[in-house]
Amino acid sequence: MEMAVTRLEDAVTCVRLSGRLDAPGADKIGVRFSASVAAGGRDAAVDLAGVSFIASMGIRLLISSARALNARGGRMVMFAPQELVRNVLEQAAIDQIIPIVPTEQAALDHLKA
């Protein structure tokens, strides 16, 4: 699992993930991901386009980080998941907790609303 952090317009933190977000992948990026997303209290957009697989530990990492960010007044949105990943997130009803949108621009638009 690889992770890159950048800033998008309006000071939105963008975290781009690639690889398998399973137990080893979540362990590899967990602390950095949580710190990047929740520490600043800024809205965050998580790019899932490069994530080929997601398991329960990856879902747990996303939910716990979104909750920590929310406690600091920020919001998280995920965008561009591959079909398999999107299906897993929807079946687990994660889209009810963290919005999932198709593109980076849609993520920015969602956070502006």
Protein backbone atom coordinates (compact mmCIF):
# COMPACT_ATOMS: atom_id res chain seq x y z
CA MET A 1 0.00 0.00 0.00
CA GLU A 2 1.33 3.40 -1.00
CA MET A 3 0.09 6.81 0.06
CA ALA A 4 0.70 10.37 -1.18
CA VAL A 5 -0.63 13.52 0.48
CA THR A 6 -1.23 16.80 -1.35
CA ARG A 7 -3.37 19.91 -0.94
CA LEU A 8 -6.22 20.69 -3.28
CA GLU A 9 -8.04 23.99 -3.68
CA ASP A 10 -9.59 25.52 -0.57
CA ALA A 11 -6.92 23.80 1.56
CA VAL A 12 -8.52 20.35 1.21
CA THR A 13 -6.15 17.54 2.13
CA CYS A 14 -6.01 14.92 -0.63
CA VAL A 15 -4.73 11.46 0.21
CA ARG A 16 -4.08 9.24 -2.81
CA LEU A 17 -3.92 5.53 -2.04
CA SER A 18 -2.68 2.72 -4.23
CA GLY A 19 -2.36 -1.00 -3.62
CA ARG A 20 -4.27 -3.39 -1.38
CA LEU A 21 -6.01 -1.86 1.63
CA ASP A 22 -6.02 -5.13 3.58
CA ALA A 23 -4.55 -5.80 7.04
CA PRO A 24 -0.88 -5.46 5.96
CA GLY A 25 -1.69 -2.40 3.84
CA ALA A 26 -3.65 -0.71 6.62
CA ASP A 27 -0.82 -1.45 9.07
CA LYS A 28 1.71 0.08 6.69
CA ILE A 29 -0.07 3.41 6.26
CA GLY A 30 -2.39 3.56 9.28
CA VAL A 31 -0.57 6.07 11.48
CA ARG A 32 0.42 8.34 8.57
CA PHE A 33 -3.07 8.19 7.06
CA SER A 34 -4.80 9.05 10.33
CA ALA A 35 -2.35 11.87 11.06
CA SER A 36 -2.66 13.29 7.54
CA VAL A 37 -6.45 13.20 7.55
CA ALA A 38 -7.46 14.05 11.10
CA ALA A 39 -4.64 16.09 12.62
CA GLY A 40 -5.29 19.38 10.84
CA GLY A 41 -9.06 19.30 11.04
CA ARG A 42 -9.25 20.25 7.35
CA ASP A 43 -11.67 18.61 4.96
CA ALA A 44 -10.16 15.56 3.27
CA ALA A 45 -10.64 13.86 -0.08
CA VAL A 46 -9.40 10.27 -0.35
CA ASP A 47 -8.52 9.06 -3.85
CA LEU A 48 -9.28 5.34 -4.08
CA ALA A 49 -8.60 4.97 -7.82
CA GLY A 50 -5.41 3.00 -7.17
CA VAL A 51 -6.88 0.72 -4.51
CA SER A 52 -7.36 -2.73 -6.03
CA PHE A 53 -8.73 -4.48 -2.92
CA ILE A 54 -10.18 -3.44 0.44
CA ALA A 55 -10.72 -5.58 3.53
CA SER A 56 -12.17 -4.98 6.98
CA MET A 57 -8.98 -3.44 8.39
CA GLY A 58 -8.91 -0.94 5.55
CA ILE A 59 -12.57 -0.09 6.12
CA ARG A 60 -11.86 0.34 9.83
CA LEU A 61 -8.99 2.75 9.05
CA LEU A 62 -11.24 4.86 6.82
CA ILE A 63 -14.08 5.00 9.36
CA SER A 64 -11.89 5.77 12.38
CA SER A 65 -10.08 8.53 10.49
CA ALA A 66 -13.36 10.02 9.25
CA ARG A 67 -14.74 10.04 12.79
CA ALA A 68 -11.58 11.66 14.18
CA LEU A 69 -11.71 14.30 11.45
CA ASN A 70 -15.39 14.93 12.12
CA ALA A 71 -14.63 15.45 15.83
CA ARG A 72 -12.25 18.24 14.76
CA GLY A 73 -14.87 19.87 12.54
CA GLY A 74 -13.72 18.46 9.21
CA ARG A 75 -15.38 16.19 6.67
CA MET A 76 -14.10 13.32 4.54
CA VAL A 77 -15.19 12.22 1.09
CA MET A 78 -13.82 9.34 -0.99
CA PHE A 79 -13.61 9.41 -4.76
CA ALA A 80 -12.95 7.30 -7.86
CA PRO A 81 -13.02 3.78 -6.38
CA GLN A 82 -12.64 0.82 -8.71
CA GLU A 83 -15.85 -1.18 -9.13
CA LEU A 84 -14.81 -4.00 -6.77
CA VAL A 85 -13.83 -1.57 -4.02
CA ARG A 86 -16.98 0.51 -4.52
CA ASN A 87 -19.14 -2.62 -4.26
CA VAL A 88 -17.49 -3.68 -0.99
CA LEU A 89 -17.91 -0.18 0.49
CA GLU A 90 -21.56 -0.01 -0.57
CA GLN A 91 -22.37 -3.52 0.69
CA ALA A 92 -20.86 -2.61 4.05
CA ALA A 93 -22.89 0.66 3.97
CA ILE A 94 -19.72 2.72 4.35
CA ASP A 95 -21.16 5.15 1.79
CA GLN A 96 -23.75 6.01 4.48
CA ILE A 97 -20.91 7.20 6.75
CA ILE A 98 -18.38 8.57 4.26
CA PRO A 99 -19.70 9.89 0.93
CA ILE A 100 -18.34 8.27 -2.25
CA VAL A 101 -18.25 10.31 -5.45
CA PRO A 102 -16.90 9.48 -8.93
CA THR A 103 -14.27 12.21 -9.46
CA GLU A 104 -11.88 14.56 -7.70
CA GLN A 105 -13.95 17.54 -8.85
CA ALA A 106 -17.11 15.93 -7.46
CA ALA A 107 -15.29 15.47 -4.14
CA LEU A 108 -14.36 19.15 -4.06
CA ASP A 109 -17.90 20.14 -4.97
CA HIS A 110 -19.28 17.90 -2.22
CA LEU A 111 -16.99 19.48 0.38
CA LYS A 112 -17.97 22.99 -0.73
CA ALA A 113 -21.69 22.26 -0.28
